[in-house]
C-alpha atoms as a PDB file:
ATOM      1  CA  MET A   1      18.876   5.446  22.124  1.00  0.00           C
ATOM      2  CA  LYS A   2      20.879   1.760  22.916  1.00  0.00           C
ATOM      3  CA  VAL A   3      18.412   0.019  24.825  1.00  0.00           C
ATOM      4  CA  ALA A   4      15.471   0.977  22.198  1.00  0.00           C
ATOM      5  CA  LEU A   5      18.320  -1.054  19.136  1.00  0.00           C
ATOM      6  CA  LEU A   6      18.190  -3.423  21.842  1.00  0.00           C
ATOM      7  CA  CYS A   7      14.676  -4.035  21.950  1.00  0.00           C
ATOM      8  CA  CYS A   8      14.494  -3.648  17.847  1.00  0.00           C
ATOM      9  CA  ALA A   9      17.142  -6.238  17.745  1.00  0.00           C
ATOM     10  CA  ALA A  10      15.146  -8.597  19.644  1.00  0.00           C
ATOM     11  CA  MET A  11      12.139  -7.898  18.018  1.00  0.00           C
ATOM     12  CA  ALA A  12      13.921  -8.791  14.682  1.00  0.00           C
ATOM     13  CA  ALA A  13      14.869 -11.858  15.533  1.00  0.00           C
ATOM     14  CA  LEU A  14      11.889 -13.380  17.163  1.00  0.00           C
ATOM     15  CA  ALA A  15      10.116 -12.191  13.411  1.00  0.00           C
ATOM     16  CA  GLY A  16      13.475 -13.976  11.425  1.00  0.00           C
ATOM     17  CA  LEU A  17      14.362 -10.478   9.845  1.00  0.00           C
ATOM     18  CA  PRO A  18      17.740 -10.353   8.571  1.00  0.00           C
ATOM     19  CA  ALA A  19      20.712  -8.893  10.623  1.00  0.00           C
ATOM     20  CA  GLN A  20      21.402  -5.329  10.453  1.00  0.00           C
ATOM     21  CA  ALA A  21      24.388  -5.819   8.850  1.00  0.00           C
ATOM     22  CA  GLU A  22      22.908  -8.216   5.914  1.00  0.00           C
ATOM     23  CA  TYR A  23      20.395  -5.194   4.970  1.00  0.00           C
ATOM     24  CA  THR A  24      20.899  -4.695   1.286  1.00  0.00           C
ATOM     25  CA  TRP A  25      18.966  -1.525  -0.939  1.00  0.00           C
ATOM     26  CA  PRO A  26      17.388  -2.534  -3.769  1.00  0.00           C
ATOM     27  CA  ALA A  27      16.237  -0.468  -6.536  1.00  0.00           C
ATOM     28  CA  LEU A  28      12.190  -0.524  -7.911  1.00  0.00           C
ATOM     29  CA  PRO A  29      12.141  -3.462 -10.572  1.00  0.00           C
ATOM     30  CA  ALA A  30      10.734  -1.834 -14.197  1.00  0.00           C
ATOM     31  CA  LYS A  31       7.990  -4.683 -14.118  1.00  0.00           C
ATOM     32  CA  ALA A  32       5.992  -6.244 -11.136  1.00  0.00           C
ATOM     33  CA  PRO A  33       5.212  -9.957 -11.025  1.00  0.00           C
ATOM     34  CA  ALA A  34       2.342 -11.609 -11.907  1.00  0.00           C
ATOM     35  CA  PRO A  35       1.097 -15.204 -10.545  1.00  0.00           C
ATOM     36  CA  ALA A  36       0.955 -17.597 -13.464  1.00  0.00           C
ATOM     37  CA  ALA A  37      -2.898 -18.107 -12.918  1.00  0.00           C
ATOM     38  CA  ASN A  38      -2.867 -14.408 -13.956  1.00  0.00           C
ATOM     39  CA  PRO A  39      -0.457 -13.237 -16.770  1.00  0.00           C
ATOM     40  CA  THR A  40      -0.289  -9.761 -17.705  1.00  0.00           C
ATOM     41  CA  THR A  41      -1.255  -9.016 -21.029  1.00  0.00           C
ATOM     42  CA  PRO A  42      -2.025  -5.822 -23.090  1.00  0.00           C
ATOM     43  CA  ALA A  43      -5.529  -6.382 -23.487  1.00  0.00           C
ATOM     44  CA  LYS A  44      -6.214  -7.467 -19.596  1.00  0.00           C
ATOM     45  CA  VAL A  45      -4.568  -4.412 -18.793  1.00  0.00           C
ATOM     46  CA  GLU A  46      -6.661  -1.840 -20.445  1.00  0.00           C
ATOM     47  CA  LEU A  47      -9.658  -4.014 -19.446  1.00  0.00           C
ATOM     48  CA  GLY A  48      -8.286  -3.224 -15.946  1.00  0.00           C
ATOM     49  CA  ARG A  49      -7.947   0.624 -16.453  1.00  0.00           C
ATOM     50  CA  ILE A  50     -11.633   1.072 -17.590  1.00  0.00           C
ATOM     51  CA  LEU A  51     -12.820  -0.976 -14.896  1.00  0.00           C
ATOM     52  CA  PHE A  52     -10.666   0.978 -12.365  1.00  0.00           C
ATOM     53  CA  TYR A  53     -12.774   3.992 -13.525  1.00  0.00           C
ATOM     54  CA  ASP A  54     -16.170   2.344 -13.863  1.00  0.00           C
ATOM     55  CA  LYS A  55     -18.435   3.581 -10.686  1.00  0.00           C
ATOM     56  CA  ARG A  56     -20.765   0.870 -12.021  1.00  0.00           C
ATOM     57  CA  LEU A  57     -18.553  -1.705 -10.266  1.00  0.00           C
ATOM     58  CA  SER A  58     -20.392  -0.208  -6.673  1.00  0.00           C
ATOM     59  CA  GLU A  59     -23.933  -0.431  -5.511  1.00  0.00           C
ATOM     60  CA  ASN A  60     -25.299   2.823  -6.615  1.00  0.00           C
ATOM     61  CA  GLY A  61     -23.328   3.662  -9.147  1.00  0.00           C
ATOM     62  CA  LYS A  62     -20.985   6.347  -6.992  1.00  0.00           C
ATOM     63  CA  VAL A  63     -17.686   5.281  -6.379  1.00  0.00           C
ATOM     64  CA  ALA A  64     -15.006   3.873  -8.365  1.00  0.00           C
ATOM     65  CA  CYS A  65     -11.760   2.501  -7.465  1.00  0.00           C
ATOM     66  CA  ILE A  66     -10.203   6.250  -8.709  1.00  0.00           C
ATOM     67  CA  SER A  67     -12.224   7.439  -6.142  1.00  0.00           C
ATOM     68  CA  CYS A  68      -9.927   6.578  -2.678  1.00  0.00           C
ATOM     69  CA  HIS A  69      -7.072   6.426  -5.428  1.00  0.00           C
ATOM     70  CA  ASN A  70      -6.379   9.331  -7.389  1.00  0.00           C
ATOM     71  CA  LEU A  71      -3.796   8.268  -9.566  1.00  0.00           C
ATOM     72  CA  LYS A  72      -2.615  11.762  -9.940  1.00  0.00           C
ATOM     73  CA  GLU A  73      -2.783  12.312  -6.278  1.00  0.00           C
ATOM     74  CA  GLY A  74      -0.475   9.937  -5.236  1.00  0.00           C
ATOM     75  CA  GLY A  75      -3.166   6.952  -5.457  1.00  0.00           C
ATOM     76  CA  ALA A  76      -4.679   7.982  -2.451  1.00  0.00           C
ATOM     77  CA  ASP A  77      -7.411  10.574  -1.697  1.00  0.00           C
ATOM     78  CA  HIS A  78      -5.678  12.865   1.270  1.00  0.00           C
ATOM     79  CA  GLU A  79      -8.352  11.874   3.478  1.00  0.00           C
ATOM     80  CA  SER A  80      -7.742  10.331   6.785  1.00  0.00           C
ATOM     81  CA  SER A  81     -10.009   7.210   5.914  1.00  0.00           C
ATOM     82  CA  SER A  82     -12.250   7.324   2.738  1.00  0.00           C
ATOM     83  CA  VAL A  83     -15.791   8.224   2.431  1.00  0.00           C
ATOM     84  CA  GLY A  84     -17.622   5.319   1.217  1.00  0.00           C
ATOM     85  CA  LEU A  85     -21.116   4.304  -0.762  1.00  0.00           C
ATOM     86  CA  HIS A  86     -23.500   6.182   1.247  1.00  0.00           C
ATOM     87  CA  GLY A  87     -20.592   8.734   2.854  1.00  0.00           C
ATOM     88  CA  GLU A  88     -19.460   6.388   5.667  1.00  0.00           C
ATOM     89  CA  ARG A  89     -16.113   6.388   6.647  1.00  0.00           C
ATOM     90  CA  ASP A  90     -14.424   3.208   7.579  1.00  0.00           C
ATOM     91  CA  GLY A  91     -11.851   4.839   9.600  1.00  0.00           C
ATOM     92  CA  ARG A  92      -9.223   3.775   7.743  1.00  0.00           C
ATOM     93  CA  ASN A  93      -6.367   5.142   5.552  1.00  0.00           C
ATOM     94  CA  SER A  94      -6.490   4.961   1.749  1.00  0.00           C
ATOM     95  CA  LEU A  95      -3.587   3.209   1.241  1.00  0.00           C
ATOM     96  CA  THR A  96      -1.767   3.937  -2.079  1.00  0.00           C
ATOM     97  CA  VAL A  97      -1.885   1.695  -5.251  1.00  0.00           C
ATOM     98  CA  TRP A  98       1.318   2.720  -6.760  1.00  0.00           C
ATOM     99  CA  ASN A  99       3.939   0.151  -7.011  1.00  0.00           C
ATOM    100  CA  VAL A 100       1.316  -2.365  -5.438  1.00  0.00           C
ATOM    101  CA  GLY A 101       2.693  -4.959  -7.782  1.00  0.00           C
ATOM    102  CA  PHE A 102       5.472  -5.618  -5.347  1.00  0.00           C
ATOM    103  CA  LEU A 103       3.562  -6.464  -1.805  1.00  0.00           C
ATOM    104  CA  THR A 104       2.930  -9.626  -0.838  1.00  0.00           C
ATOM    105  CA  SER A 105      -0.733  -8.683   0.793  1.00  0.00           C
ATOM    106  CA  LEU A 106      -2.929  -6.181   1.013  1.00  0.00           C
ATOM    107  CA  PHE A 107      -5.404  -3.840   3.365  1.00  0.00           C
ATOM    108  CA  TRP A 108      -3.716  -2.667   6.093  1.00  0.00           C
ATOM    109  CA  ASP A 109      -4.273  -5.837   8.271  1.00  0.00           C
ATOM    110  CA  GLY A 110      -2.893  -7.672   5.523  1.00  0.00           C
ATOM    111  CA  ARG A 111      -6.204  -9.832   4.967  1.00  0.00           C
ATOM    112  CA  ALA A 112      -5.841 -10.093   1.317  1.00  0.00           C
ATOM    113  CA  ALA A 113      -3.557 -12.285  -0.452  1.00  0.00           C
ATOM    114  CA  SER A 114      -3.748 -10.875  -3.796  1.00  0.00           C
ATOM    115  CA  LEU A 115      -4.672  -8.150  -6.052  1.00  0.00           C
ATOM    116  CA  GLU A 116      -7.278 -10.376  -7.444  1.00  0.00           C
ATOM    117  CA  SER A 117      -8.962 -11.089  -3.765  1.00  0.00           C
ATOM    118  CA  GLN A 118      -8.112  -7.600  -2.803  1.00  0.00           C
ATOM    119  CA  ALA A 119     -10.229  -6.182  -5.908  1.00  0.00           C
ATOM    120  CA  ILE A 120     -13.189  -8.617  -4.992  1.00  0.00           C
ATOM    121  CA  ALA A 121     -13.390  -7.938  -1.741  1.00  0.00           C
ATOM    122  CA  GLN A 122     -13.516  -4.212  -2.693  1.00  0.00           C
ATOM    123  CA  MET A 123     -16.319  -4.860  -4.176  1.00  0.00           C
ATOM    124  CA  LEU A 124     -18.144  -6.609  -1.836  1.00  0.00           C
ATOM    125  CA  ASN A 125     -17.341  -4.493   1.162  1.00  0.00           C
ATOM    126  CA  PRO A 126     -20.677  -2.743   2.793  1.00  0.00           C
ATOM    127  CA  LEU A 127     -18.706   0.703   3.356  1.00  0.00           C
ATOM    128  CA  ASP A 128     -16.994   0.632  -0.053  1.00  0.00           C
ATOM    129  CA  MET A 129     -18.521  -0.079  -2.956  1.00  0.00           C
ATOM    130  CA  GLY A 130     -21.287  -2.377  -1.701  1.00  0.00           C
ATOM    131  CA  MET A 131     -22.117  -4.930  -4.160  1.00  0.00           C
ATOM    132  CA  ARG A 132     -23.962  -7.993  -2.333  1.00  0.00           C
ATOM    133  CA  ASP A 133     -22.517 -10.451  -4.127  1.00  0.00           C
ATOM    134  CA  VAL A 134     -20.155 -12.010  -6.968  1.00  0.00           C
ATOM    135  CA  ALA A 135     -23.123 -12.900  -8.865  1.00  0.00           C
ATOM    136  CA  TYR A 136     -24.361  -9.883  -8.570  1.00  0.00           C
ATOM    137  CA  ILE A 137     -21.300  -7.854  -9.765  1.00  0.00           C
ATOM    138  CA  SER A 138     -21.448 -10.298 -12.587  1.00  0.00           C
ATOM    139  CA  ALA A 139     -24.790  -9.514 -13.700  1.00  0.00           C
ATOM    140  CA  ARG A 140     -23.915  -5.779 -13.575  1.00  0.00           C
ATOM    141  CA  LEU A 141     -20.961  -6.044 -16.016  1.00  0.00           C
ATOM    142  CA  GLN A 142     -23.097  -8.248 -18.619  1.00  0.00           C
ATOM    143  CA  SER A 143     -25.616  -5.420 -18.273  1.00  0.00           C
ATOM    144  CA  VAL A 144     -23.243  -3.509 -20.204  1.00  0.00           C
ATOM    145  CA  PRO A 145     -22.909  -4.767 -24.027  1.00  0.00           C
ATOM    146  CA  GLY A 146     -20.019  -2.645 -24.468  1.00  0.00           C
ATOM    147  CA  TYR A 147     -18.314  -5.180 -21.961  1.00  0.00           C
ATOM    148  CA  ARG A 148     -18.093  -8.422 -23.979  1.00  0.00           C
ATOM    149  CA  PRO A 149     -15.818  -7.587 -26.719  1.00  0.00           C
ATOM    150  CA  LEU A 150     -13.103  -6.464 -23.926  1.00  0.00           C
ATOM    151  CA  PHE A 151     -13.239  -9.126 -22.067  1.00  0.00           C
ATOM    152  CA  GLU A 152     -13.319 -11.550 -24.786  1.00  0.00           C
ATOM    153  CA  ARG A 153      -9.987  -9.650 -26.045  1.00  0.00           C
ATOM    154  CA  ALA A 154      -8.955 -10.246 -22.818  1.00  0.00           C
ATOM    155  CA  PHE A 155      -9.621 -13.798 -21.737  1.00  0.00           C
ATOM    156  CA  GLY A 156     -11.227 -15.466 -24.902  1.00  0.00           C
ATOM    157  CA  SER A 157     -14.645 -16.056 -25.732  1.00  0.00           C
ATOM    158  CA  GLY A 158     -17.254 -17.844 -23.307  1.00  0.00           C
ATOM    159  CA  GLU A 159     -18.813 -16.932 -20.482  1.00  0.00           C
ATOM    160  CA  VAL A 160     -16.017 -14.465 -19.537  1.00  0.00           C
ATOM    161  CA  VAL A 161     -17.588 -11.427 -18.461  1.00  0.00           C
ATOM    162  CA  THR A 162     -17.696 -12.217 -14.695  1.00  0.00           C
ATOM    163  CA  ALA A 163     -17.021 -10.785 -11.655  1.00  0.00           C
ATOM    164  CA  GLU A 164     -13.643 -12.813 -11.295  1.00  0.00           C
ATOM    165  CA  ASN A 165     -12.304 -12.097 -14.423  1.00  0.00           C
ATOM    166  CA  ALA A 166     -12.887  -8.135 -13.465  1.00  0.00           C
ATOM    167  CA  ALA A 167     -10.690  -8.757 -10.717  1.00  0.00           C
ATOM    168  CA  ARG A 168      -8.005 -10.153 -12.861  1.00  0.00           C
ATOM    169  CA  ALA A 169      -8.048  -7.005 -15.234  1.00  0.00           C
ATOM    170  CA  LEU A 170      -7.961  -5.465 -12.180  1.00  0.00           C
ATOM    171  CA  ALA A 171      -5.314  -6.770 -10.655  1.00  0.00           C
ATOM    172  CA  ALA A 172      -2.991  -6.773 -14.341  1.00  0.00           C
ATOM    173  CA  PHE A 173      -3.680  -2.943 -14.464  1.00  0.00           C
ATOM    174  CA  GLU A 174      -2.275  -2.422 -10.916  1.00  0.00           C
ATOM    175  CA  ARG A 175       0.433  -4.345 -11.785  1.00  0.00           C
ATOM    176  CA  THR A 176       1.598  -1.563 -14.192  1.00  0.00           C
ATOM    177  CA  LEU A 177       1.434   1.257 -11.711  1.00  0.00           C
ATOM    178  CA  ILE A 178       5.272   1.355 -11.216  1.00  0.00           C
ATOM    179  CA  THR A 179       7.200   4.820 -10.020  1.00  0.00           C
ATOM    180  CA  GLY A 180      10.629   3.703 -10.419  1.00  0.00           C
ATOM    181  CA  ASP A 181      13.419   6.138 -11.368  1.00  0.00           C
ATOM    182  CA  ALA A 182      12.735   8.222  -8.115  1.00  0.00           C
ATOM    183  CA  PRO A 183      16.238   9.403  -6.730  1.00  0.00           C
ATOM    184  CA  TYR A 184      17.203   6.416  -4.605  1.00  0.00           C
ATOM    185  CA  ASP A 185      16.832   4.477  -7.386  1.00  0.00           C
ATOM    186  CA  ARG A 186      19.261   6.068  -9.792  1.00  0.00           C
ATOM    187  CA  TYR A 187      21.592   6.536  -6.102  1.00  0.00           C
ATOM    188  CA  VAL A 188      21.258   2.720  -5.695  1.00  0.00           C
ATOM    189  CA  ALA A 189      22.163   2.213  -9.622  1.00  0.00           C
ATOM    190  CA  GLY A 190      25.322   3.838  -9.435  1.00  0.00           C
ATOM    191  CA  ASP A 191      24.781   7.548  -9.441  1.00  0.00           C
ATOM    192  CA  HIS A 192      25.709   8.822  -6.335  1.00  0.00           C
ATOM    193  CA  GLY A 193      24.946  12.565  -7.319  1.00  0.00           C
ATOM    194  CA  ALA A 194      21.274  11.675  -7.007  1.00  0.00           C
ATOM    195  CA  LEU A 195      21.021  11.750  -3.290  1.00  0.00           C
ATOM    196  CA  SER A 196      21.995  15.463  -1.437  1.00  0.00           C
ATOM    197  CA  GLU A 197      24.057  14.886   1.529  1.00  0.00           C
ATOM    198  CA  GLN A 198      21.275  15.291   4.041  1.00  0.00           C
ATOM    199  CA  GLN A 199      19.408  12.446   2.088  1.00  0.00           C
ATOM    200  CA  VAL A 200      22.435  10.364   2.050  1.00  0.00           C
ATOM    201  CA  ARG A 201      22.714  11.226   6.348  1.00  0.00           C
ATOM    202  CA  GLY A 202      18.998  10.307   6.313  1.00  0.00           C
ATOM    203  CA  MET A 203      19.762   6.729   4.743  1.00  0.00           C
ATOM    204  CA  ASN A 204      22.058   6.394   7.007  1.00  0.00           C
ATOM    205  CA  GLU A 205      20.016   7.159   9.555  1.00  0.00           C
ATOM    206  CA  PHE A 206      17.228   4.810   8.631  1.00  0.00           C
ATOM    207  CA  ARG A 207      19.115   1.843   8.788  1.00  0.00           C
ATOM    208  CA  ASN A 208      20.926   2.599  11.886  1.00  0.00           C
ATOM    209  CA  VAL A 209      18.099   3.176  14.108  1.00  0.00           C
ATOM    210  CA  GLY A 210      16.357   0.280  12.924  1.00  0.00           C
ATOM    211  CA  CYS A 211      13.648   1.435  10.611  1.00  0.00           C
ATOM    212  CA  ALA A 212      15.239  -0.740   7.822  1.00  0.00           C
ATOM    213  CA  ARG A 213      13.966  -3.711  10.305  1.00  0.00           C
ATOM    214  CA  CYS A 214      10.748  -3.780   9.275  1.00  0.00           C
ATOM    215  CA  HIS A 215      10.397  -1.473   5.661  1.00  0.00           C
ATOM    216  CA  GLN A 216      12.521  -3.643   3.706  1.00  0.00           C
ATOM    217  CA  GLY A 217      12.987  -4.269   0.359  1.00  0.00           C
ATOM    218  CA  ALA A 218      12.638  -2.122  -3.187  1.00  0.00           C
ATOM    219  CA  ALA A 219       8.927  -1.155  -1.850  1.00  0.00           C
ATOM    220  CA  PHE A 220      10.246  -0.749   1.669  1.00  0.00           C
ATOM    221  CA  ASP A 221       7.095  -2.995   2.986  1.00  0.00           C
ATOM    222  CA  GLY A 222       7.898  -5.661   4.882  1.00  0.00           C
ATOM    223  CA  PRO A 223      10.561  -8.327   4.740  1.00  0.00           C
ATOM    224  CA  ALA A 224      10.405 -10.254   1.179  1.00  0.00           C
ATOM    225  CA  LEU A 225       7.861 -13.292   1.896  1.00  0.00           C
ATOM    226  CA  ARG A 226       6.268 -15.890  -0.129  1.00  0.00           C
ATOM    227  CA  ALA A 227       3.237 -14.638  -2.214  1.00  0.00           C
ATOM    228  CA  GLY A 228       0.125 -14.296  -0.030  1.00  0.00           C
ATOM    229  CA  THR A 229       1.883 -14.650   3.540  1.00  0.00           C
ATOM    230  CA  ALA A 230       1.019 -11.647   5.513  1.00  0.00           C
ATOM    231  CA  PHE A 231       3.725 -10.178   7.765  1.00  0.00           C
ATOM    232  CA  THR A 232       2.658  -7.862  10.274  1.00  0.00           C
ATOM    233  CA  MET A 233       3.923  -6.132  12.983  1.00  0.00           C
ATOM    234  CA  LYS A 234       2.529  -4.579  16.538  1.00  0.00           C
ATOM    235  CA  PHE A 235       1.811  -1.119  16.575  1.00  0.00           C
ATOM    236  CA  PRO A 236       2.369   0.843  18.481  1.00  0.00           C
ATOM    237  CA  THR A 237       4.705  -1.155  20.633  1.00  0.00           C
ATOM    238  CA  ASN A 238       5.725   1.452  23.289  1.00  0.00           C
ATOM    239  CA  LEU A 239       2.663   2.269  24.535  1.00  0.00           C
ATOM    240  CA  ARG A 240       4.118   5.105  27.072  1.00  0.00           C
ATOM    241  CA  SER A 241       4.740   7.252  23.992  1.00  0.00           C
ATOM    242  CA  PRO A 242       2.134  10.430  24.177  1.00  0.00           C
ATOM    243  CA  PHE A 243       1.618  10.174  20.610  1.00  0.00           C
ATOM    244  CA  VAL A 244      -0.338   6.914  21.470  1.00  0.00           C
ATOM    245  CA  ALA A 245      -3.464   8.918  23.132  1.00  0.00           C
ATOM    246  CA  SER A 246      -2.784  11.735  21.055  1.00  0.00           C
ATOM    247  CA  TYR A 247      -3.187  10.564  17.704  1.00  0.00           C
ATOM    248  CA  GLU A 248      -5.972   7.331  18.795  1.00  0.00           C
ATOM    249  CA  LEU A 249      -3.384   4.419  17.440  1.00  0.00           C
ATOM    250  CA  THR A 250      -4.778   2.032  19.597  1.00  0.00           C
ATOM    251  CA  ARG A 251      -8.712   2.937  19.091  1.00  0.00           C
ATOM    252  CA  ASP A 252      -8.333   0.430  16.003  1.00  0.00           C
ATOM    253  CA  LEU A 253      -7.442  -3.399  16.889  1.00  0.00           C
ATOM    254  CA  GLY A 254      -5.581  -4.027  13.895  1.00  0.00           C
ATOM    255  CA  ARG A 255      -6.047  -7.474  12.054  1.00  0.00           C
ATOM    256  CA  PHE A 256      -8.026  -8.521  15.047  1.00  0.00           C
ATOM    257  CA  GLU A 257     -11.085  -6.853  13.714  1.00  0.00           C
ATOM    258  CA  TRP A 258     -10.644  -9.086  10.848  1.00  0.00           C
ATOM    259  CA  THR A 259      -9.541 -12.922  12.260  1.00  0.00           C
ATOM    260  CA  GLY A 260     -10.894 -12.110  15.881  1.00  0.00           C
ATOM    261  CA  LYS A 261      -7.917 -13.922  17.076  1.00  0.00           C
ATOM    262  CA  GLU A 262      -6.082 -12.148  20.094  1.00  0.00           C
ATOM    263  CA  PRO A 263      -2.233 -12.793  18.719  1.00  0.00           C
ATOM    264  CA  ASP A 264      -3.417 -10.299  16.078  1.00  0.00           C
ATOM    265  CA  ARG A 265      -4.732  -7.257  18.347  1.00  0.00           C
ATOM    266  CA  HIS A 266      -2.769  -4.118  16.661  1.00  0.00           C
ATOM    267  CA  GLN A 267      -1.238  -6.145  14.384  1.00  0.00           C
ATOM    268  CA  TRP A 268      -0.731  -4.041  11.012  1.00  0.00           C
ATOM    269  CA  ARG A 269       0.895  -4.960   7.571  1.00  0.00           C
ATOM    270  CA  VAL A 270       4.082  -2.878   7.470  1.00  0.00           C
ATOM    271  CA  PRO A 271       3.130  -0.426   4.666  1.00  0.00           C
ATOM    272  CA  SER A 272       5.289   0.638   1.531  1.00  0.00           C
ATOM    273  CA  LEU A 273       7.292   4.092   1.946  1.00  0.00           C
ATOM    274  CA  ARG A 274       7.111   4.800  -1.634  1.00  0.00           C
ATOM    275  CA  ASN A 275       5.702   7.815  -2.609  1.00  0.00           C
ATOM    276  CA  LEU A 276       5.318   9.722   0.790  1.00  0.00           C
ATOM    277  CA  LYS A 277       6.026  12.694  -0.646  1.00  0.00           C
ATOM    278  CA  TYR A 278       2.244  12.534  -2.384  1.00  0.00           C
ATOM    279  CA  THR A 279       0.333  10.504   0.470  1.00  0.00           C
ATOM    280  CA  ALA A 280      -0.225  12.797   3.306  1.00  0.00           C
ATOM    281  CA  PRO A 281      -2.380  11.917   6.337  1.00  0.00           C
ATOM    282  CA  TYR A 282      -0.323   8.987   7.790  1.00  0.00           C
ATOM    283  CA  MET A 283      -0.840   6.050   9.754  1.00  0.00           C
ATOM    284  CA  HIS A 284      -3.856   3.376   9.246  1.00  0.00           C
ATOM    285  CA  ASN A 285      -6.318   6.433  10.756  1.00  0.00           C
ATOM    286  CA  GLY A 286      -4.860   8.723   9.041  1.00  0.00           C
ATOM    287  CA  SER A 287      -4.306  10.809  12.182  1.00  0.00           C
ATOM    288  CA  VAL A 288      -0.800  12.472  11.779  1.00  0.00           C
ATOM    289  CA  PRO A 289      -1.145  15.048   8.883  1.00  0.00           C
ATOM    290  CA  THR A 290       3.007  15.241   8.406  1.00  0.00           C
ATOM    291  CA  LEU A 291       5.354  13.328   7.180  1.00  0.00           C
ATOM    292  CA  ALA A 292       7.621  14.882   9.757  1.00  0.00           C
ATOM    293  CA  HIS A 293       5.173  14.434  12.157  1.00  0.00           C
ATOM    294  CA  ALA A 294       5.056  10.678  11.510  1.00  0.00           C
ATOM    295  CA  VAL A 295       8.925  10.297  11.683  1.00  0.00           C
ATOM    296  CA  ARG A 296       8.363  11.568  14.943  1.00  0.00           C
ATOM    297  CA  VAL A 297       5.608   9.040  15.481  1.00  0.00           C
ATOM    298  CA  MET A 298       7.541   6.256  14.646  1.00  0.00           C
ATOM    299  CA  GLY A 299      10.809   7.175  16.764  1.00  0.00           C
ATOM    300  CA  SER A 300       8.927   6.989  19.366  1.00  0.00           C
ATOM    301  CA  THR A 301       6.278   4.620  19.450  1.00  0.00           C
ATOM    302  CA  GLU A 302       8.374   2.004  17.548  1.00  0.00           C
ATOM    303  CA  LEU A 303      11.788   3.025  18.533  1.00  0.00           C
ATOM    304  CA  GLY A 304      11.134   4.495  22.360  1.00  0.00           C
ATOM    305  CA  LEU A 305      13.404   7.443  20.767  1.00  0.00           C
ATOM    306  CA  ILE A 306      13.266  11.373  20.283  1.00  0.00           C
ATOM    307  CA  PHE A 307      14.239  12.468  17.340  1.00  0.00           C
ATOM    308  CA  THR A 308      16.103  15.918  17.209  1.00  0.00           C
ATOM    309  CA  ASP A 309      14.809  18.286  14.944  1.00  0.00           C
ATOM    310  CA  ALA A 310      18.153  17.822  12.659  1.00  0.00           C
ATOM    311  CA  GLU A 311      17.430  13.878  12.553  1.00  0.00           C
ATOM    312  CA  VAL A 312      14.139  14.304  11.466  1.00  0.00           C
ATOM    313  CA  ALA A 313      15.147  16.738   8.511  1.00  0.00           C
ATOM    314  CA  ASP A 314      17.229  14.037   7.473  1.00  0.00           C
ATOM    315  CA  LEU A 315      14.905  11.380   7.536  1.00  0.00           C
ATOM    316  CA  VAL A 316      12.304  13.246   5.836  1.00  0.00           C
ATOM    317  CA  ALA A 317      14.174  13.811   3.016  1.00  0.00           C
ATOM    318  CA  PHE A 318      15.910  10.402   2.613  1.00  0.00           C
ATOM    319  CA  LEU A 319      12.102   9.219   2.613  1.00  0.00           C
ATOM    320  CA  GLU A 320      10.491  11.833   0.056  1.00  0.00           C
ATOM    321  CA  ALA A 321      14.058  10.834  -2.340  1.00  0.00           C
ATOM    322  CA  LEU A 322      11.774   7.264  -2.445  1.00  0.00           C
ATOM    323  CA  SER A 323       8.783   9.467  -4.506  1.00  0.00           C
ATOM    324  CA  GLY A 324       9.816   8.723  -8.054  1.00  0.00           C
ATOM    325  CA  PRO A 325       7.633  10.719 -10.934  1.00  0.00           C
ATOM    326  CA  LEU A 326       4.010   9.340 -11.061  1.00  0.00           C
ATOM    327  CA  PRO A 327       3.268   8.029 -14.768  1.00  0.00           C
ATOM    328  CA  ASP A 328       0.344  10.073 -16.614  1.00  0.00           C
ATOM    329  CA  VAL A 329      -2.502   7.368 -16.953  1.00  0.00           C
ATOM    330  CA  GLN A 330      -5.283   8.716 -18.899  1.00  0.00           C
ATOM    331  CA  ALA A 331      -9.345   8.299 -17.949  1.00  0.00           C
ATOM    332  CA  PRO A 332     -10.790   6.134 -20.370  1.00  0.00           C
ATOM    333  CA  THR A 333     -14.068   6.366 -22.400  1.00  0.00           C
ATOM    334  CA  LEU A 334     -16.095   4.091 -20.375  1.00  0.00           C
ATOM    335  CA  PRO A 335     -18.770   1.595 -22.335  1.00  0.00           C
END
């Protein structure tokens, strides 16, 4: 275990992560930050909610954001990888949209710098929603008369029914998808009865073995960075782990598949650990079926550790304490 921790500390130093002694335990804020160019307003949020459910944002009218990000099912779809426009799978597990407003980059490989750019990219992805270009998205929206008053309410008069404004509205809505008041949040706010003894043991284990080197902040994703900056880590790092082959963890080349740059091979954005209780299966390829399995995989592939059954149980108990109640978002009536 000491060797593994030294390796992790060396990785942390190279990545510029804070030393373990400096780590803090923040609660999830009640409000997500919004960029100056797209302040969150009720009208934008309402328009975004409608767009989130509208399958007309896909080329054949069969896929909406809600198709892969079911808000009542943890914000994901429980598939190893999502089924897209024509039944194809893109090979990557659907990430939850709950608490995405606290992330500094999006997608598994961190290629989107904002929720606005992520929304456009998703609509244009040929495997996901398949819209041919931005002008085509705008024309599709403009063909629905009921959208004009909703866009004007959100963005003013003029030529406002556009793909870009649709992305702004979707981003505004997604920034309201927050699951605070998890047992962990209550605990760090001073309610020391909010976590069980086992969950507290898991919390301490999480920090002591090095999980907190990468999973930091209120969302337990990568370390705090300037908005739009992608922090990635190599996964897996311990190629001798038997889990690498059994779960095909190196088949997908990660960020390299987007950039084509060798340093990006098997580099991944650090995913949030919030609401893992609701979002099985796990890993970028959705190959790991349970949270207990995921803990063992990460211990072996990232830390070089073989956790005992008791350690796994404690860590799982803590991770489940990061899951807050899911707010009830009602499906809208589409224009």
